[in-house]
Amino acid sequence: MNFNFFGKSNFQEHISLDLNFDKKEFIQKFKHYIDDDRGLLVDELYRSKKRYLGEIDTDKFVLRKKRKFMDLHVQSSNAKGEIIDFNGKVSLKITISGVDGIAYLGLIIAPIFYLILCVLIIVNGVYPALIIFIPIAILFLAFPKIIIRNNMKKFKSDLIELLTHL
């Protein structure tokens, strides 16, 4: 039996793109949009205008969007891609993941928090509070998943737009 904790899609999408560049030209053009990634905590130290952080080499790339301090539109989406040379043209196989380590932590801690709160309500015998608590807890547990899916779709469309306009 295969149990998937994070739902049907596991917050991943796959894309295949064929571009009219040779491999070397694609890598040179794509590097102009990517800064080296030094970790999540130093994103604010980057002063360049590049939107993405990551690594690119001859066969693969990994990238994510920069995070800015106090930005309410933070995206946890990231992309891992494979660069394939096919008859002098570049073919890309990209896997977009909607969550990173911090988002996984939030998706695990939130249900535990609400479970503990529910147990405290039952232990203290405040049963009428469950009538209010359970629907609110369901909304708060579903809201992050909806946000992650929307951010992943936006990241995907931004990435496809960037790659098609190189």
Protein backbone atom coordinates (compact mmCIF):
# COMPACT_ATOMS: atom_id res chain seq x y z
CA MET A 1 0.00 0.00 0.00
CA ASN A 2 1.39 3.38 -1.02
CA PHE A 3 0.44 6.12 1.45
CA ASN A 4 1.05 9.69 0.34
CA PHE A 5 0.93 12.08 3.31
CA PHE A 6 0.66 15.28 1.29
CA GLY A 7 -2.21 14.29 -0.99
CA LYS A 8 -2.59 13.12 -4.55
CA SER A 9 -0.05 15.31 -6.35
CA ASN A 10 2.54 15.68 -3.59
CA PHE A 11 2.88 19.31 -4.71
CA GLN A 12 4.86 18.41 -7.84
CA GLU A 13 4.40 19.11 -11.52
CA HIS A 14 6.45 18.00 -14.49
CA ILE A 15 7.19 20.07 -17.60
CA SER A 16 8.92 19.20 -20.85
CA LEU A 17 10.13 22.00 -23.12
CA ASP A 18 11.97 22.00 -26.42
CA LEU A 19 13.94 25.15 -27.20
CA ASN A 20 15.68 26.29 -30.39
CA PHE A 21 19.11 26.71 -28.81
CA ASP A 22 22.12 24.51 -28.62
CA LYS A 23 23.08 23.43 -25.11
CA LYS A 24 25.98 25.80 -24.63
CA GLU A 25 24.01 28.85 -25.80
CA PHE A 26 21.07 27.94 -23.54
CA ILE A 27 23.31 27.61 -20.48
CA GLN A 28 24.99 30.97 -21.17
CA LYS A 29 21.64 32.75 -21.59
CA PHE A 30 20.03 31.04 -18.60
CA LYS A 31 22.95 31.92 -16.29
CA HIS A 32 22.11 35.60 -16.76
CA TYR A 33 18.92 35.06 -14.75
CA ILE A 34 20.36 32.99 -11.88
CA ASP A 35 22.52 33.96 -8.88
CA ASP A 36 24.38 31.33 -6.88
CA ASP A 37 22.30 29.99 -4.01
CA ARG A 38 24.00 30.21 -0.63
CA GLY A 39 21.04 29.15 1.52
CA LEU A 40 17.66 30.44 2.59
CA LEU A 41 18.92 32.72 5.33
CA VAL A 42 21.14 34.92 3.14
CA ASP A 43 18.67 35.78 0.36
CA GLU A 44 18.42 39.38 1.54
CA LEU A 45 22.16 39.88 1.06
CA TYR A 46 21.87 39.59 -2.73
CA ARG A 47 21.84 43.01 -4.34
CA SER A 48 21.47 41.94 -7.96
CA LYS A 49 18.33 42.27 -10.05
CA LYS A 50 18.21 38.53 -10.80
CA ARG A 51 14.95 36.91 -9.66
CA TYR A 52 16.23 33.35 -9.24
CA LEU A 53 18.83 31.63 -7.09
CA GLY A 54 20.31 28.27 -7.86
CA GLU A 55 22.90 26.32 -9.78
CA ILE A 56 23.25 25.37 -13.40
CA ASP A 57 25.78 23.06 -14.99
CA THR A 58 26.02 21.17 -18.27
CA ASP A 59 23.37 18.54 -17.52
CA LYS A 60 21.03 19.91 -14.86
CA PHE A 61 19.87 22.94 -12.96
CA VAL A 62 18.19 23.75 -9.65
CA LEU A 63 16.55 27.08 -8.96
CA ARG A 64 14.13 28.95 -6.75
CA LYS A 65 12.95 32.53 -6.42
CA LYS A 66 14.69 34.95 -4.11
CA ARG A 67 13.01 35.61 -0.81
CA LYS A 68 12.86 39.13 0.52
CA PHE A 69 12.42 40.23 4.11
CA MET A 70 8.78 40.91 5.03
CA ASP A 71 7.55 39.91 1.58
CA LEU A 72 4.06 38.48 1.92
CA HIS A 73 4.31 36.72 -1.45
CA VAL A 74 7.09 34.34 -0.48
CA GLN A 75 7.13 31.22 -2.60
CA SER A 76 8.47 27.91 -1.43
CA SER A 77 8.41 26.50 -4.96
CA ASN A 78 11.60 25.32 -6.60
CA ALA A 79 12.55 23.62 -9.84
CA LYS A 80 14.96 20.86 -10.75
CA GLY A 81 15.66 20.40 -14.39
CA GLU A 82 17.54 18.14 -16.71
CA ILE A 83 19.17 19.64 -19.82
CA ILE A 84 19.20 17.24 -22.75
CA ASP A 85 20.92 17.90 -26.06
CA PHE A 86 18.82 16.43 -28.87
CA ASN A 87 20.06 17.00 -32.46
CA GLY A 88 21.59 20.38 -31.64
CA LYS A 89 18.48 21.59 -29.78
CA VAL A 90 17.84 21.74 -26.05
CA SER A 91 15.14 19.66 -24.44
CA LEU A 92 14.29 20.39 -20.81
CA LYS A 93 12.63 18.04 -18.35
CA ILE A 94 11.66 20.09 -15.30
CA THR A 95 10.16 18.99 -12.00
CA ILE A 96 8.55 21.80 -10.03
CA SER A 97 8.10 21.17 -6.34
CA GLY A 98 5.67 23.35 -4.43
CA VAL A 99 7.34 22.95 -1.06
CA ASP A 100 10.80 23.22 0.42
CA GLY A 101 12.05 22.17 3.84
CA ILE A 102 10.44 25.09 5.67
CA ALA A 103 7.05 24.50 4.03
CA TYR A 104 7.21 20.78 4.88
CA LEU A 105 7.91 21.70 8.48
CA GLY A 106 4.85 23.97 8.52
CA LEU A 107 2.65 21.30 6.94
CA ILE A 108 3.70 18.84 9.65
CA ILE A 109 3.61 21.15 12.68
CA ALA A 110 0.18 22.72 11.98
CA PRO A 111 -1.83 19.45 12.28
CA ILE A 112 0.07 18.51 15.42
CA PHE A 113 -0.71 21.91 16.95
CA TYR A 114 -4.43 21.60 16.17
CA LEU A 115 -4.52 18.02 17.45
CA ILE A 116 -2.98 19.11 20.76
CA LEU A 117 -5.44 22.00 21.00
CA CYS A 118 -8.36 19.63 20.30
CA VAL A 119 -7.14 17.21 23.00
CA LEU A 120 -6.84 20.09 25.48
CA ILE A 121 -10.41 21.16 24.76
CA ILE A 122 -11.67 17.59 25.31
CA VAL A 123 -9.59 17.03 28.47
CA ASN A 124 -10.81 20.28 30.00
CA GLY A 125 -14.40 19.37 29.14
CA VAL A 126 -15.14 22.47 27.08
CA TYR A 127 -17.12 20.53 24.47
CA PRO A 128 -19.09 23.50 23.04
CA ALA A 129 -15.75 25.01 21.99
CA LEU A 130 -15.30 22.06 19.60
CA ILE A 131 -18.27 23.29 17.58
CA ILE A 132 -16.35 26.46 16.80
CA PHE A 133 -12.84 25.00 16.84
CA ILE A 134 -13.21 22.11 14.37
CA PRO A 135 -14.44 24.17 11.34
CA ILE A 136 -11.81 26.85 11.99
CA ALA A 137 -9.09 24.20 12.30
CA ILE A 138 -10.17 22.61 9.02
CA LEU A 139 -9.98 26.00 7.27
CA PHE A 140 -6.55 26.75 8.72
CA LEU A 141 -5.24 23.32 7.72
CA ALA A 142 -6.57 23.61 4.14
CA PHE A 143 -5.43 27.22 3.62
CA PRO A 144 -1.65 26.52 3.42
CA LYS A 145 -2.20 23.76 0.86
CA ILE A 146 -4.27 26.11 -1.30
CA ILE A 147 -1.59 28.81 -1.04
CA ILE A 148 1.16 26.33 -1.94
CA ARG A 149 -0.74 25.13 -5.01
CA ASN A 150 -1.39 28.71 -6.19
CA ASN A 151 2.25 29.70 -5.65
CA MET A 152 3.41 26.61 -7.52
CA LYS A 153 1.20 27.51 -10.50
CA LYS A 154 2.56 31.08 -10.49
CA PHE A 155 6.15 29.83 -10.26
CA LYS A 156 5.51 27.44 -13.14
CA SER A 157 4.03 30.13 -15.38
CA ASP A 158 6.88 32.56 -14.56
CA LEU A 159 9.49 29.91 -15.29
CA ILE A 160 7.89 28.87 -18.58
CA GLU A 161 7.64 32.53 -19.61
CA LEU A 162 11.32 33.07 -18.78
CA LEU A 163 12.44 29.96 -20.65
CA THR A 164 10.39 30.69 -23.76
CA HIS A 165 11.65 34.30 -23.94
CA LEU A 166 15.38 33.60 -23.54
